[in-house]
Amino acid sequence: MVEIKAEEKYVHLKKVKDAILQCISCGDCREATDYTMDPPKWGVCVAREHTSGFEPFFGRGKMQIIRSIW
């Protein structure tokens, strides 16, 4: 079985590598505002609201996983 290196498998991440490495895991990305609701809903995080809340399901956890590849 041929092992594929993460750098080869996830080549599309190279385009956003700088942004990934600048992330400080503040959680602001999951504190977005849903302006489509009337009245607007603050603190929307679809992944957190519709999953067990396990960290890898939302932004902060995904960033940690992506960073571990490098």
PDB file of N, CA and C in Angstrom:
ATOM      1  N   MET A   1       0.838  -1.186   0.000  1.00  0.00           N
ATOM      2  CA  MET A   1       0.000   0.000   0.000  1.00  0.00           C
ATOM      3  C   MET A   1       0.882   1.247   0.000  1.00  0.00           C
ATOM      4  N   VAL A   2       0.586   2.153  -0.895  1.00  0.00           N
ATOM      5  CA  VAL A   2       1.359   3.390  -1.017  1.00  0.00           C
ATOM      6  C   VAL A   2       0.803   4.429  -0.055  1.00  0.00           C
ATOM      7  N   GLU A   3       1.694   4.993   0.730  1.00  0.00           N
ATOM      8  CA  GLU A   3       1.276   6.028   1.680  1.00  0.00           C
ATOM      9  C   GLU A   3       1.383   7.398   1.020  1.00  0.00           C
ATOM     10  N   ILE A   4       0.307   8.142   1.055  1.00  0.00           N
ATOM     11  CA  ILE A   4       0.284   9.478   0.466  1.00  0.00           C
ATOM     12  C   ILE A   4       0.555  10.495   1.568  1.00  0.00           C
ATOM     13  N   LYS A   5       1.543  11.344   1.336  1.00  0.00           N
ATOM     14  CA  LYS A   5       1.882  12.374   2.317  1.00  0.00           C
ATOM     15  C   LYS A   5       0.770  13.411   2.392  1.00  0.00           C
ATOM     16  N   ALA A   6       0.601  13.974   3.562  1.00  0.00           N
ATOM     17  CA  ALA A   6      -0.444  14.984   3.771  1.00  0.00           C
ATOM     18  C   ALA A   6      -0.259  16.173   2.833  1.00  0.00           C
ATOM     19  N   GLU A   7       1.004  16.547   2.578  1.00  0.00           N
ATOM     20  CA  GLU A   7       1.278  17.686   1.700  1.00  0.00           C
ATOM     21  C   GLU A   7       0.765  17.434   0.284  1.00  0.00           C
ATOM     22  N   GLU A   8       0.803  16.168  -0.136  1.00  0.00           N
ATOM     23  CA  GLU A   8       0.325  15.814  -1.476  1.00  0.00           C
ATOM     24  C   GLU A   8      -1.189  15.651  -1.500  1.00  0.00           C
ATOM     25  N   LYS A   9      -1.728  15.115  -0.438  1.00  0.00           N
ATOM     26  CA  LYS A   9      -3.166  14.844  -0.380  1.00  0.00           C
ATOM     27  C   LYS A   9      -3.983  16.129  -0.259  1.00  0.00           C
ATOM     28  N   TYR A  10      -3.470  17.086   0.469  1.00  0.00           N
ATOM     29  CA  TYR A  10      -4.210  18.320   0.738  1.00  0.00           C
ATOM     30  C   TYR A  10      -3.552  19.520   0.058  1.00  0.00           C
ATOM     31  N   VAL A  11      -3.214  19.380  -1.212  1.00  0.00           N
ATOM     32  CA  VAL A  11      -2.522  20.457  -1.930  1.00  0.00           C
ATOM     33  C   VAL A  11      -3.355  21.734  -1.985  1.00  0.00           C
ATOM     34  N   HIS A  12      -4.676  21.604  -1.958  1.00  0.00           N
ATOM     35  CA  HIS A  12      -5.539  22.795  -2.004  1.00  0.00           C
ATOM     36  C   HIS A  12      -5.379  23.673  -0.768  1.00  0.00           C
ATOM     37  N   LEU A  13      -4.869  23.122   0.308  1.00  0.00           N
ATOM     38  CA  LEU A  13      -4.686  23.911   1.529  1.00  0.00           C
ATOM     39  C   LEU A  13      -3.520  24.893   1.414  1.00  0.00           C
ATOM     40  N   LYS A  14      -2.619  24.646   0.461  1.00  0.00           N
ATOM     41  CA  LYS A  14      -1.482  25.556   0.285  1.00  0.00           C
ATOM     42  C   LYS A  14      -1.945  26.972  -0.028  1.00  0.00           C
ATOM     43  N   LYS A  15      -3.078  27.088  -0.700  1.00  0.00           N
ATOM     44  CA  LYS A  15      -3.606  28.407  -1.064  1.00  0.00           C
ATOM     45  C   LYS A  15      -3.978  29.233   0.164  1.00  0.00           C
ATOM     46  N   VAL A  16      -4.362  28.574   1.227  1.00  0.00           N
ATOM     47  CA  VAL A  16      -4.822  29.280   2.428  1.00  0.00           C
ATOM     48  C   VAL A  16      -3.923  29.017   3.634  1.00  0.00           C
ATOM     49  N   LYS A  17      -2.732  28.493   3.389  1.00  0.00           N
ATOM     50  CA  LYS A  17      -1.829  28.139   4.484  1.00  0.00           C
ATOM     51  C   LYS A  17      -1.543  29.322   5.405  1.00  0.00           C
ATOM     52  N   ASP A  18      -1.258  30.495   4.832  1.00  0.00           N
ATOM     53  CA  ASP A  18      -0.949  31.668   5.660  1.00  0.00           C
ATOM     54  C   ASP A  18      -2.116  32.022   6.577  1.00  0.00           C
ATOM     55  N   ALA A  19      -3.323  31.970   6.052  1.00  0.00           N
ATOM     56  CA  ALA A  19      -4.503  32.276   6.868  1.00  0.00           C
ATOM     57  C   ALA A  19      -4.687  31.236   7.963  1.00  0.00           C
ATOM     58  N   ILE A  20      -4.432  29.984   7.629  1.00  0.00           N
ATOM     59  CA  ILE A  20      -4.572  28.910   8.615  1.00  0.00           C
ATOM     60  C   ILE A  20      -3.605  29.121   9.769  1.00  0.00           C
ATOM     61  N   LEU A  21      -2.363  29.443   9.436  1.00  0.00           N
ATOM     62  CA  LEU A  21      -1.351  29.606  10.469  1.00  0.00           C
ATOM     63  C   LEU A  21      -1.526  30.891  11.268  1.00  0.00           C
ATOM     64  N   GLN A  22      -2.289  31.855  10.744  1.00  0.00           N
ATOM     65  CA  GLN A  22      -2.558  33.089  11.478  1.00  0.00           C
ATOM     66  C   GLN A  22      -3.722  32.944  12.449  1.00  0.00           C
ATOM     67  N   CYS A  23      -4.513  31.901  12.283  1.00  0.00           N
ATOM     68  CA  CYS A  23      -5.670  31.695  13.154  1.00  0.00           C
ATOM     69  C   CYS A  23      -5.207  31.527  14.598  1.00  0.00           C
ATOM     70  N   ILE A  24      -5.820  32.263  15.502  1.00  0.00           N
ATOM     71  CA  ILE A  24      -5.455  32.171  16.914  1.00  0.00           C
ATOM     72  C   ILE A  24      -6.525  31.462  17.735  1.00  0.00           C
ATOM     73  N   SER A  25      -7.447  30.805  17.041  1.00  0.00           N
ATOM     74  CA  SER A  25      -8.496  30.004  17.682  1.00  0.00           C
ATOM     75  C   SER A  25      -9.343  30.810  18.655  1.00  0.00           C
ATOM     76  N   CYS A  26      -9.684  32.027  18.269  1.00  0.00           N
ATOM     77  CA  CYS A  26     -10.479  32.886  19.148  1.00  0.00           C
ATOM     78  C   CYS A  26     -11.952  32.484  19.171  1.00  0.00           C
ATOM     79  N   GLY A  27     -12.403  31.797  18.118  1.00  0.00           N
ATOM     80  CA  GLY A  27     -13.793  31.365  18.075  1.00  0.00           C
ATOM     81  C   GLY A  27     -14.733  32.357  17.427  1.00  0.00           C
ATOM     82  N   ASP A  28     -14.202  33.491  16.950  1.00  0.00           N
ATOM     83  CA  ASP A  28     -15.067  34.489  16.317  1.00  0.00           C
ATOM     84  C   ASP A  28     -15.775  33.941  15.087  1.00  0.00           C
ATOM     85  N   CYS A  29     -15.155  32.995  14.389  1.00  0.00           N
ATOM     86  CA  CYS A  29     -15.766  32.463  13.170  1.00  0.00           C
ATOM     87  C   CYS A  29     -17.070  31.733  13.486  1.00  0.00           C
ATOM     88  N   ARG A  30     -17.244  31.267  14.697  1.00  0.00           N
ATOM     89  CA  ARG A  30     -18.500  30.590  15.042  1.00  0.00           C
ATOM     90  C   ARG A  30     -19.474  31.531  15.737  1.00  0.00           C
ATOM     91  N   GLU A  31     -19.088  32.769  15.871  1.00  0.00           N
ATOM     92  CA  GLU A  31     -19.964  33.772  16.467  1.00  0.00           C
ATOM     93  C   GLU A  31     -20.543  34.682  15.390  1.00  0.00           C
ATOM     94  N   ALA A  32     -20.769  34.132  14.240  1.00  0.00           N
ATOM     95  CA  ALA A  32     -21.310  34.900  13.111  1.00  0.00           C
ATOM     96  C   ALA A  32     -22.748  35.321  13.389  1.00  0.00           C
ATOM     97  N   THR A  33     -23.222  36.241  12.608  1.00  0.00           N
ATOM     98  CA  THR A  33     -24.596  36.717  12.732  1.00  0.00           C
ATOM     99  C   THR A  33     -25.401  36.249  11.540  1.00  0.00           C
ATOM    100  N   ASP A  34     -26.575  35.703  11.786  1.00  0.00           N
ATOM    101  CA  ASP A  34     -27.458  35.270  10.708  1.00  0.00           C
ATOM    102  C   ASP A  34     -28.458  36.384  10.435  1.00  0.00           C
ATOM    103  N   TYR A  35     -28.169  37.183   9.411  1.00  0.00           N
ATOM    104  CA  TYR A  35     -29.030  38.309   9.068  1.00  0.00           C
ATOM    105  C   TYR A  35     -30.271  37.889   8.297  1.00  0.00           C
ATOM    106  N   THR A  36     -30.354  36.611   7.919  1.00  0.00           N
ATOM    107  CA  THR A  36     -31.511  36.152   7.149  1.00  0.00           C
ATOM    108  C   THR A  36     -32.723  35.927   8.033  1.00  0.00           C
ATOM    109  N   MET A  37     -32.507  35.846   9.329  1.00  0.00           N
ATOM    110  CA  MET A  37     -33.621  35.647  10.258  1.00  0.00           C
ATOM    111  C   MET A  37     -34.219  36.996  10.644  1.00  0.00           C
ATOM    112  N   ASP A  38     -35.455  36.986  11.042  1.00  0.00           N
ATOM    113  CA  ASP A  38     -36.124  38.211  11.465  1.00  0.00           C
ATOM    114  C   ASP A  38     -36.719  37.983  12.848  1.00  0.00           C
ATOM    115  N   PRO A  39     -36.166  38.525  13.907  1.00  0.00           N
ATOM    116  CA  PRO A  39     -34.986  39.386  13.979  1.00  0.00           C
ATOM    117  C   PRO A  39     -33.699  38.572  13.781  1.00  0.00           C
ATOM    118  N   PRO A  40     -32.573  39.242  13.470  1.00  0.00           N
ATOM    119  CA  PRO A  40     -31.306  38.533  13.257  1.00  0.00           C
ATOM    120  C   PRO A  40     -30.919  37.702  14.476  1.00  0.00           C
ATOM    121  N   LYS A  41     -30.339  36.553  14.228  1.00  0.00           N
ATOM    122  CA  LYS A  41     -29.890  35.676  15.313  1.00  0.00           C
ATOM    123  C   LYS A  41     -28.392  35.867  15.498  1.00  0.00           C
ATOM    124  N   TRP A  42     -28.003  36.150  16.724  1.00  0.00           N
ATOM    125  CA  TRP A  42     -26.596  36.354  17.051  1.00  0.00           C
ATOM    126  C   TRP A  42     -26.000  35.061  17.587  1.00  0.00           C
ATOM    127  N   GLY A  43     -24.704  34.851  17.342  1.00  0.00           N
ATOM    128  CA  GLY A  43     -24.022  33.682  17.879  1.00  0.00           C
ATOM    129  C   GLY A  43     -24.356  32.396  17.156  1.00  0.00           C
ATOM    130  N   VAL A  44     -24.523  32.451  15.855  1.00  0.00           N
ATOM    131  CA  VAL A  44     -24.897  31.275  15.083  1.00  0.00           C
ATOM    132  C   VAL A  44     -23.679  30.396  14.827  1.00  0.00           C
ATOM    133  N   CYS A  45     -23.801  29.141  15.134  1.00  0.00           N
ATOM    134  CA  CYS A  45     -22.793  28.145  14.779  1.00  0.00           C
ATOM    135  C   CYS A  45     -23.545  26.868  14.450  1.00  0.00           C
ATOM    136  N   VAL A  46     -23.826  26.689  13.184  1.00  0.00           N
ATOM    137  CA  VAL A  46     -24.629  25.548  12.765  1.00  0.00           C
ATOM    138  C   VAL A  46     -23.997  24.235  13.194  1.00  0.00           C
ATOM    139  N   ALA A  47     -22.691  24.109  13.027  1.00  0.00           N
ATOM    140  CA  ALA A  47     -22.024  22.864  13.394  1.00  0.00           C
ATOM    141  C   ALA A  47     -22.179  22.580  14.885  1.00  0.00           C
ATOM    142  N   ARG A  48     -22.041  23.580  15.700  1.00  0.00           N
ATOM    143  CA  ARG A  48     -22.147  23.373  17.146  1.00  0.00           C
ATOM    144  C   ARG A  48     -23.588  23.090  17.571  1.00  0.00           C
ATOM    145  N   GLU A  49     -24.544  23.773  16.936  1.00  0.00           N
ATOM    146  CA  GLU A  49     -25.940  23.609  17.321  1.00  0.00           C
ATOM    147  C   GLU A  49     -26.538  22.287  16.859  1.00  0.00           C
ATOM    148  N   HIS A  50     -25.977  21.689  15.805  1.00  0.00           N
ATOM    149  CA  HIS A  50     -26.557  20.476  15.241  1.00  0.00           C
ATOM    150  C   HIS A  50     -25.666  19.253  15.378  1.00  0.00           C
ATOM    151  N   THR A  51     -24.663  19.330  16.226  1.00  0.00           N
ATOM    152  CA  THR A  51     -23.805  18.179  16.513  1.00  0.00           C
ATOM    153  C   THR A  51     -23.684  18.063  18.025  1.00  0.00           C
ATOM    154  N   SER A  52     -22.824  17.162  18.431  1.00  0.00           N
ATOM    155  CA  SER A  52     -22.618  16.961  19.864  1.00  0.00           C
ATOM    156  C   SER A  52     -21.819  18.091  20.496  1.00  0.00           C
ATOM    157  N   GLY A  53     -21.317  19.018  19.679  1.00  0.00           N
ATOM    158  CA  GLY A  53     -20.490  20.101  20.207  1.00  0.00           C
ATOM    159  C   GLY A  53     -19.032  19.709  20.302  1.00  0.00           C
ATOM    160  N   PHE A  54     -18.694  18.520  19.796  1.00  0.00           N
ATOM    161  CA  PHE A  54     -17.320  18.026  19.806  1.00  0.00           C
ATOM    162  C   PHE A  54     -16.446  18.969  18.988  1.00  0.00           C
ATOM    163  N   GLU A  55     -15.367  19.430  19.524  1.00  0.00           N
ATOM    164  CA  GLU A  55     -14.526  20.478  18.928  1.00  0.00           C
ATOM    165  C   GLU A  55     -14.186  20.273  17.446  1.00  0.00           C
ATOM    166  N   PRO A  56     -13.845  19.080  16.963  1.00  0.00           N
ATOM    167  CA  PRO A  56     -13.503  18.941  15.540  1.00  0.00           C
ATOM    168  C   PRO A  56     -14.640  19.235  14.570  1.00  0.00           C
ATOM    169  N   PHE A  57     -15.866  19.363  15.052  1.00  0.00           N
ATOM    170  CA  PHE A  57     -16.981  19.646  14.157  1.00  0.00           C
ATOM    171  C   PHE A  57     -17.097  21.124  13.797  1.00  0.00           C
ATOM    172  N   PHE A  58     -16.390  22.008  14.484  1.00  0.00           N
ATOM    173  CA  PHE A  58     -16.495  23.422  14.147  1.00  0.00           C
ATOM    174  C   PHE A  58     -15.127  24.074  13.994  1.00  0.00           C
ATOM    175  N   GLY A  59     -15.141  25.322  13.565  1.00  0.00           N
ATOM    176  CA  GLY A  59     -13.944  26.019  13.108  1.00  0.00           C
ATOM    177  C   GLY A  59     -12.677  25.850  13.922  1.00  0.00           C
ATOM    178  N   ARG A  60     -12.751  26.081  15.199  1.00  0.00           N
ATOM    179  CA  ARG A  60     -11.553  26.035  16.035  1.00  0.00           C
ATOM    180  C   ARG A  60     -10.892  24.658  15.980  1.00  0.00           C
ATOM    181  N   GLY A  61     -11.688  23.626  16.078  1.00  0.00           N
ATOM    182  CA  GLY A  61     -11.155  22.261  16.024  1.00  0.00           C
ATOM    183  C   GLY A  61     -10.616  21.903  14.654  1.00  0.00           C
ATOM    184  N   LYS A  62     -11.301  22.363  13.619  1.00  0.00           N
ATOM    185  CA  LYS A  62     -10.829  22.091  12.260  1.00  0.00           C
ATOM    186  C   LYS A  62      -9.483  22.754  12.022  1.00  0.00           C
ATOM    187  N   MET A  63      -9.298  23.955  12.538  1.00  0.00           N
ATOM    188  CA  MET A  63      -8.017  24.644  12.390  1.00  0.00           C
ATOM    189  C   MET A  63      -6.913  23.878  13.110  1.00  0.00           C
ATOM    190  N   GLN A  64      -7.199  23.312  14.271  1.00  0.00           N
ATOM    191  CA  GLN A  64      -6.203  22.527  14.991  1.00  0.00           C
ATOM    192  C   GLN A  64      -5.821  21.283  14.201  1.00  0.00           C
ATOM    193  N   ILE A  65      -6.807  20.652  13.582  1.00  0.00           N
ATOM    194  CA  ILE A  65      -6.536  19.464  12.777  1.00  0.00           C
ATOM    195  C   ILE A  65      -5.685  19.827  11.568  1.00  0.00           C
ATOM    196  N   ILE A  66      -6.043  20.909  10.873  1.00  0.00           N
ATOM    197  CA  ILE A  66      -5.285  21.325   9.692  1.00  0.00           C
ATOM    198  C   ILE A  66      -3.851  21.666  10.072  1.00  0.00           C
ATOM    199  N   ARG A  67      -3.661  22.370  11.177  1.00  0.00           N
ATOM    200  CA  ARG A  67      -2.306  22.730  11.606  1.00  0.00           C
ATOM    201  C   ARG A  67      -1.471  21.497  11.901  1.00  0.00           C
ATOM    202  N   SER A  68      -2.084  20.448  12.410  1.00  0.00           N
ATOM    203  CA  SER A  68      -1.332  19.243  12.759  1.00  0.00           C
ATOM    204  C   SER A  68      -0.764  18.552  11.527  1.00  0.00           C
ATOM    205  N   ILE A  69      -1.306  18.868  10.347  1.00  0.00           N
ATOM    206  CA  ILE A  69      -0.789  18.285   9.112  1.00  0.00           C
ATOM    207  C   ILE A  69       0.603  18.814   8.817  1.00  0.00           C
ATOM    208  N   TRP A  70       0.844  20.105   9.127  1.00  0.00           N
ATOM    209  CA  TRP A  70       2.149  20.684   8.842  1.00  0.00           C
ATOM    210  C   TRP A  70       3.052  20.319   9.950  1.00  0.00           C
TER     211      TRP A  70
END
